Each structure stands twice: as C-alpha cells, then as structure tokens.
C-alpha cells in the first residue's frame, strides 16, 4: 500500500467508518505505523466526523446546509 492508493481508494474515510476488508485494514495499519504523518490526517478526519455528528445531534447541521 502506498500514499497514492490510500488517496485514490479513500482508505482513511473507509478505515474510520470500519468499512475496510481485513487484508486492506491490516495493510493500512502497517502503512501508518511506518508513516506516522498519516496519523495527523486520521485524527483530523475523526475530529471532522465528530464535529458533524455533534452538529447533527444539536439540529444545527441542517440549518448550515
């Protein structure tokens, strides 16, 4: 797995949604252990996802859209 594959196949988003098959998940986890800079991207995506969930729970998301 390489960075291009991760970007092209939306691996971070799919990983956070728990939608990667086991072999792809394992390959991604091995990649990010060797490339810690991707952890910042994972953390940013998780914060974004969490923020959207909070806006939806409070009813503010629809007003923003």
PDB file of N, CA and C in Angstrom:
ATOM      1  N   UNK A   1       0.851  -1.167   0.000  1.00  0.00           N
ATOM      2  CA  UNK A   1       0.000   0.000   0.000  1.00  0.00           C
ATOM      3  C   UNK A   1       0.895   1.228   0.000  1.00  0.00           C
ATOM      4  N   UNK A   2       0.494   2.235  -0.769  1.00  0.00           N
ATOM      5  CA  UNK A   2       1.241   3.489  -0.803  1.00  0.00           C
ATOM      6  C   UNK A   2       0.269   4.661  -0.697  1.00  0.00           C
ATOM      7  N   UNK A   3       0.839   5.854  -0.606  1.00  0.00           N
ATOM      8  CA  UNK A   3       0.012   7.052  -0.387  1.00  0.00           C
ATOM      9  C   UNK A   3      -0.988   7.266  -1.511  1.00  0.00           C
ATOM     10  N   UNK A   4      -0.586   7.011  -2.740  1.00  0.00           N
ATOM     11  CA  UNK A   4      -1.489   7.185  -3.879  1.00  0.00           C
ATOM     12  C   UNK A   4      -2.691   6.250  -3.765  1.00  0.00           C
ATOM     13  N   UNK A   5      -2.438   5.014  -3.395  1.00  0.00           N
ATOM     14  CA  UNK A   5      -3.520   4.048  -3.220  1.00  0.00           C
ATOM     15  C   UNK A   5      -4.463   4.513  -2.103  1.00  0.00           C
ATOM     16  N   UNK A   6      -3.892   4.995  -1.012  1.00  0.00           N
ATOM     17  CA  UNK A   6      -4.696   5.473   0.119  1.00  0.00           C
ATOM     18  C   UNK A   6      -5.611   6.607  -0.329  1.00  0.00           C
ATOM     19  N   UNK A   7      -5.073   7.555  -1.066  1.00  0.00           N
ATOM     20  CA  UNK A   7      -5.880   8.680  -1.545  1.00  0.00           C
ATOM     21  C   UNK A   7      -6.915   8.233  -2.570  1.00  0.00           C
ATOM     22  N   UNK A   8      -6.496   7.452  -3.548  1.00  0.00           N
ATOM     23  CA  UNK A   8      -7.389   7.024  -4.634  1.00  0.00           C
ATOM     24  C   UNK A   8      -8.557   6.175  -4.147  1.00  0.00           C
ATOM     25  N   UNK A   9      -8.333   5.421  -3.086  1.00  0.00           N
ATOM     26  CA  UNK A   9      -9.364   4.489  -2.610  1.00  0.00           C
ATOM     27  C   UNK A   9     -10.026   4.935  -1.306  1.00  0.00           C
ATOM     28  N   UNK A  10      -9.806   6.183  -0.932  1.00  0.00           N
ATOM     29  CA  UNK A  10     -10.464   6.772   0.259  1.00  0.00           C
ATOM     30  C   UNK A  10     -10.268   5.899   1.494  1.00  0.00           C
ATOM     31  N   UNK A  11      -9.051   5.439   1.671  1.00  0.00           N
ATOM     32  CA  UNK A  11      -8.751   4.488   2.740  1.00  0.00           C
ATOM     33  C   UNK A  11      -8.996   5.081   4.123  1.00  0.00           C
ATOM     34  N   UNK A  12      -8.593   6.337   4.346  1.00  0.00           N
ATOM     35  CA  UNK A  12      -8.765   6.924   5.680  1.00  0.00           C
ATOM     36  C   UNK A  12     -10.241   6.973   6.051  1.00  0.00           C
ATOM     37  N   UNK A  13     -11.071   7.482   5.160  1.00  0.00           N
ATOM     38  CA  UNK A  13     -12.511   7.567   5.439  1.00  0.00           C
ATOM     39  C   UNK A  13     -13.113   6.183   5.647  1.00  0.00           C
ATOM     40  N   UNK A  14     -12.737   5.246   4.805  1.00  0.00           N
ATOM     41  CA  UNK A  14     -13.270   3.892   4.941  1.00  0.00           C
ATOM     42  C   UNK A  14     -12.774   3.223   6.217  1.00  0.00           C
ATOM     43  N   UNK A  15     -11.531   3.522   6.608  1.00  0.00           N
ATOM     44  CA  UNK A  15     -10.974   2.965   7.844  1.00  0.00           C
ATOM     45  C   UNK A  15     -11.759   3.489   9.040  1.00  0.00           C
ATOM     46  N   UNK A  16     -12.008   4.789   9.070  1.00  0.00           N
ATOM     47  CA  UNK A  16     -12.740   5.374  10.186  1.00  0.00           C
ATOM     48  C   UNK A  16     -14.186   4.889  10.238  1.00  0.00           C
ATOM     49  N   UNK A  17     -14.742   4.536   9.097  1.00  0.00           N
ATOM     50  CA  UNK A  17     -16.106   4.009   9.046  1.00  0.00           C
ATOM     51  C   UNK A  17     -16.140   2.503   9.264  1.00  0.00           C
ATOM     52  N   UNK A  18     -14.967   1.918   9.507  1.00  0.00           N
ATOM     53  CA  UNK A  18     -14.862   0.464   9.707  1.00  0.00           C
ATOM     54  C   UNK A  18     -15.406  -0.300   8.495  1.00  0.00           C
ATOM     55  N   UNK A  19     -15.027   0.177   7.295  1.00  0.00           N
ATOM     56  CA  UNK A  19     -15.533  -0.425   6.068  1.00  0.00           C
ATOM     57  C   UNK A  19     -14.426  -1.012   5.199  1.00  0.00           C
ATOM     58  N   UNK A  20     -13.284  -1.293   5.805  1.00  0.00           N
ATOM     59  CA  UNK A  20     -12.199  -1.929   5.055  1.00  0.00           C
ATOM     60  C   UNK A  20     -12.217  -3.424   5.315  1.00  0.00           C
ATOM     61  N   UNK A  21     -12.050  -4.218   4.270  1.00  0.00           N
ATOM     62  CA  UNK A  21     -11.883  -5.657   4.491  1.00  0.00           C
ATOM     63  C   UNK A  21     -10.597  -5.897   5.292  1.00  0.00           C
ATOM     64  N   UNK A  22     -10.550  -6.979   6.023  1.00  0.00           N
ATOM     65  CA  UNK A  22      -9.409  -7.257   6.902  1.00  0.00           C
ATOM     66  C   UNK A  22      -8.051  -7.112   6.231  1.00  0.00           C
ATOM     67  N   UNK A  23      -7.829  -7.673   5.043  1.00  0.00           N
ATOM     68  CA  UNK A  23      -6.485  -7.526   4.438  1.00  0.00           C
ATOM     69  C   UNK A  23      -6.124  -6.060   4.152  1.00  0.00           C
ATOM     70  N   UNK A  24      -7.091  -5.276   3.690  1.00  0.00           N
ATOM     71  CA  UNK A  24      -6.826  -3.873   3.396  1.00  0.00           C
ATOM     72  C   UNK A  24      -6.600  -3.084   4.694  1.00  0.00           C
ATOM     73  N   UNK A  25      -7.375  -3.389   5.725  1.00  0.00           N
ATOM     74  CA  UNK A  25      -7.206  -2.741   7.026  1.00  0.00           C
ATOM     75  C   UNK A  25      -5.829  -3.037   7.589  1.00  0.00           C
ATOM     76  N   UNK A  26      -5.419  -4.288   7.526  1.00  0.00           N
ATOM     77  CA  UNK A  26      -4.111  -4.678   8.048  1.00  0.00           C
ATOM     78  C   UNK A  26      -2.978  -3.993   7.280  1.00  0.00           C
ATOM     79  N   UNK A  27      -3.125  -3.887   5.970  1.00  0.00           N
ATOM     80  CA  UNK A  27      -2.105  -3.219   5.155  1.00  0.00           C
ATOM     81  C   UNK A  27      -2.046  -1.729   5.499  1.00  0.00           C
ATOM     82  N   UNK A  28      -3.207  -1.112   5.705  1.00  0.00           N
ATOM     83  CA  UNK A  28      -3.235   0.297   6.060  1.00  0.00           C
ATOM     84  C   UNK A  28      -2.620   0.524   7.440  1.00  0.00           C
ATOM     85  N   UNK A  29      -2.949  -0.330   8.386  1.00  0.00           N
ATOM     86  CA  UNK A  29      -2.373  -0.185   9.730  1.00  0.00           C
ATOM     87  C   UNK A  29      -0.851  -0.353   9.693  1.00  0.00           C
ATOM     88  N   UNK A  30      -0.363  -1.266   8.895  1.00  0.00           N
ATOM     89  CA  UNK A  30       1.086  -1.422   8.748  1.00  0.00           C
ATOM     90  C   UNK A  30       1.693  -0.171   8.120  1.00  0.00           C
ATOM     91  N   UNK A  31       0.988   0.416   7.144  1.00  0.00           N
ATOM     92  CA  UNK A  31       1.479   1.628   6.494  1.00  0.00           C
ATOM     93  C   UNK A  31       1.558   2.771   7.492  1.00  0.00           C
ATOM     94  N   UNK A  32       0.496   2.994   8.256  1.00  0.00           N
ATOM     95  CA  UNK A  32       0.543   4.163   9.136  1.00  0.00           C
ATOM     96  C   UNK A  32       1.491   3.980  10.308  1.00  0.00           C
ATOM     97  N   UNK A  33       1.813   2.759  10.661  1.00  0.00           N
ATOM     98  CA  UNK A  33       2.836   2.551  11.688  1.00  0.00           C
ATOM     99  C   UNK A  33       4.217   2.956  11.169  1.00  0.00           C
ATOM    100  N   UNK A  34       4.433   2.797   9.877  1.00  0.00           N
ATOM    101  CA  UNK A  34       5.699   3.181   9.259  1.00  0.00           C
ATOM    102  C   UNK A  34       5.716   4.635   8.804  1.00  0.00           C
ATOM    103  N   UNK A  35       4.547   5.260   8.703  1.00  0.00           N
ATOM    104  CA  UNK A  35       4.419   6.639   8.219  1.00  0.00           C
ATOM    105  C   UNK A  35       3.536   7.425   9.192  1.00  0.00           C
ATOM    106  N   UNK A  36       4.086   7.812  10.333  1.00  0.00           N
ATOM    107  CA  UNK A  36       3.273   8.457  11.371  1.00  0.00           C
ATOM    108  C   UNK A  36       2.622   9.766  10.932  1.00  0.00           C
ATOM    109  N   UNK A  37       3.100  10.384   9.851  1.00  0.00           N
ATOM    110  CA  UNK A  37       2.477  11.619   9.397  1.00  0.00           C
ATOM    111  C   UNK A  37       1.018  11.412   8.990  1.00  0.00           C
ATOM    112  N   UNK A  38       0.675  10.205   8.604  1.00  0.00           N
ATOM    113  CA  UNK A  38      -0.714   9.943   8.212  1.00  0.00           C
ATOM    114  C   UNK A  38      -1.644   9.927   9.430  1.00  0.00           C
ATOM    115  N   UNK A  39      -1.079   9.733  10.601  1.00  0.00           N
ATOM    116  CA  UNK A  39      -1.902   9.759  11.811  1.00  0.00           C
ATOM    117  C   UNK A  39      -2.551  11.126  11.998  1.00  0.00           C
ATOM    118  N   UNK A  40      -1.876  12.194  11.592  1.00  0.00           N
ATOM    119  CA  UNK A  40      -2.474  13.535  11.669  1.00  0.00           C
ATOM    120  C   UNK A  40      -3.717  13.613  10.790  1.00  0.00           C
ATOM    121  N   UNK A  41      -3.650  13.006   9.624  1.00  0.00           N
ATOM    122  CA  UNK A  41      -4.805  13.003   8.730  1.00  0.00           C
ATOM    123  C   UNK A  41      -5.952  12.194   9.328  1.00  0.00           C
ATOM    124  N   UNK A  42      -5.624  11.057   9.919  1.00  0.00           N
ATOM    125  CA  UNK A  42      -6.649  10.225  10.553  1.00  0.00           C
ATOM    126  C   UNK A  42      -7.311  11.004  11.692  1.00  0.00           C
ATOM    127  N   UNK A  43      -6.499  11.660  12.512  1.00  0.00           N
ATOM    128  CA  UNK A  43      -7.036  12.425  13.639  1.00  0.00           C
ATOM    129  C   UNK A  43      -7.895  13.593  13.161  1.00  0.00           C
ATOM    130  N   UNK A  44      -7.482  14.284  12.118  1.00  0.00           N
ATOM    131  CA  UNK A  44      -8.259  15.406  11.583  1.00  0.00           C
ATOM    132  C   UNK A  44      -9.588  14.916  11.027  1.00  0.00           C
ATOM    133  N   UNK A  45      -9.566  13.804  10.309  1.00  0.00           N
ATOM    134  CA  UNK A  45     -10.808  13.255   9.765  1.00  0.00           C
ATOM    135  C   UNK A  45     -11.744  12.822  10.889  1.00  0.00           C
ATOM    136  N   UNK A  46     -11.205  12.255  11.939  1.00  0.00           N
ATOM    137  CA  UNK A  46     -12.020  11.829  13.074  1.00  0.00           C
ATOM    138  C   UNK A  46     -12.636  13.048  13.780  1.00  0.00           C
ATOM    139  N   UNK A  47     -11.871  14.117  13.945  1.00  0.00           N
ATOM    140  CA  UNK A  47     -12.417  15.344  14.555  1.00  0.00           C
ATOM    141  C   UNK A  47     -13.528  15.930  13.683  1.00  0.00           C
ATOM    142  N   UNK A  48     -13.328  15.934  12.386  1.00  0.00           N
ATOM    143  CA  UNK A  48     -14.339  16.440  11.461  1.00  0.00           C
ATOM    144  C   UNK A  48     -15.613  15.607  11.564  1.00  0.00           C
ATOM    145  N   UNK A  49     -15.460  14.313  11.549  1.00  0.00           N
ATOM    146  CA  UNK A  49     -16.604  13.399  11.658  1.00  0.00           C
ATOM    147  C   UNK A  49     -17.348  13.620  12.977  1.00  0.00           C
ATOM    148  N   UNK A  50     -16.607  13.774  14.048  1.00  0.00           N
ATOM    149  CA  UNK A  50     -17.200  14.008  15.357  1.00  0.00           C
ATOM    150  C   UNK A  50     -17.941  15.341  15.394  1.00  0.00           C
ATOM    151  N   UNK A  51     -17.341  16.372  14.814  1.00  0.00           N
ATOM    152  CA  UNK A  51     -17.984  17.685  14.765  1.00  0.00           C
ATOM    153  C   UNK A  51     -19.281  17.654  13.978  1.00  0.00           C
ATOM    154  N   UNK A  52     -19.280  16.956  12.858  1.00  0.00           N
ATOM    155  CA  UNK A  52     -20.511  16.830  12.079  1.00  0.00           C
ATOM    156  C   UNK A  52     -21.596  16.091  12.866  1.00  0.00           C
ATOM    157  N   UNK A  53     -21.195  15.063  13.588  1.00  0.00           N
ATOM    158  CA  UNK A  53     -22.165  14.315  14.398  1.00  0.00           C
ATOM    159  C   UNK A  53     -22.758  15.206  15.490  1.00  0.00           C
ATOM    160  N   UNK A  54     -21.936  16.037  16.112  1.00  0.00           N
ATOM    161  CA  UNK A  54     -22.430  16.950  17.146  1.00  0.00           C
ATOM    162  C   UNK A  54     -23.399  17.968  16.555  1.00  0.00           C
ATOM    163  N   UNK A  55     -23.066  18.501  15.377  1.00  0.00           N
ATOM    164  CA  UNK A  55     -23.968  19.438  14.725  1.00  0.00           C
ATOM    165  C   UNK A  55     -25.293  18.783  14.361  1.00  0.00           C
ATOM    166  N   UNK A  56     -25.228  17.553  13.908  1.00  0.00           N
ATOM    167  CA  UNK A  56     -26.459  16.844  13.558  1.00  0.00           C
ATOM    168  C   UNK A  56     -27.287  16.584  14.805  1.00  0.00           C
ATOM    169  N   UNK A  57     -26.651  16.153  15.886  1.00  0.00           N
ATOM    170  CA  UNK A  57     -27.367  15.882  17.135  1.00  0.00           C
ATOM    171  C   UNK A  57     -28.035  17.131  17.690  1.00  0.00           C
ATOM    172  N   UNK A  58     -27.406  18.268  17.503  1.00  0.00           N
ATOM    173  CA  UNK A  58     -27.974  19.519  18.035  1.00  0.00           C
ATOM    174  C   UNK A  58     -28.969  20.165  17.090  1.00  0.00           C
ATOM    175  N   UNK A  59     -29.123  19.594  15.892  1.00  0.00           N
ATOM    176  CA  UNK A  59     -30.066  20.138  14.920  1.00  0.00           C
ATOM    177  C   UNK A  59     -29.496  21.284  14.097  1.00  0.00           C
ATOM    178  N   UNK A  60     -28.235  21.601  14.279  1.00  0.00           N
ATOM    179  CA  UNK A  60     -27.623  22.736  13.595  1.00  0.00           C
ATOM    180  C   UNK A  60     -27.118  22.388  12.199  1.00  0.00           C
ATOM    181  N   UNK A  61     -26.886  21.134  11.924  1.00  0.00           N
ATOM    182  CA  UNK A  61     -26.310  20.752  10.643  1.00  0.00           C
ATOM    183  C   UNK A  61     -27.221  21.103   9.481  1.00  0.00           C
ATOM    184  N   UNK A  62     -28.486  20.804   9.609  1.00  0.00           N
ATOM    185  CA  UNK A  62     -29.413  21.080   8.506  1.00  0.00           C
ATOM    186  C   UNK A  62     -29.491  22.578   8.233  1.00  0.00           C
ATOM    187  N   UNK A  63     -29.476  23.398   9.266  1.00  0.00           N
ATOM    188  CA  UNK A  63     -29.515  24.854   9.063  1.00  0.00           C
ATOM    189  C   UNK A  63     -28.267  25.331   8.321  1.00  0.00           C
ATOM    190  N   UNK A  64     -27.132  24.697   8.571  1.00  0.00           N
ATOM    191  CA  UNK A  64     -25.906  25.096   7.884  1.00  0.00           C
ATOM    192  C   UNK A  64     -25.897  24.679   6.421  1.00  0.00           C
ATOM    193  N   UNK A  65     -26.634  23.632   6.122  1.00  0.00           N
ATOM    194  CA  UNK A  65     -26.669  23.155   4.751  1.00  0.00           C
ATOM    195  C   UNK A  65     -27.720  23.906   3.983  1.00  0.00           C
TER     196      UNK A  65
END
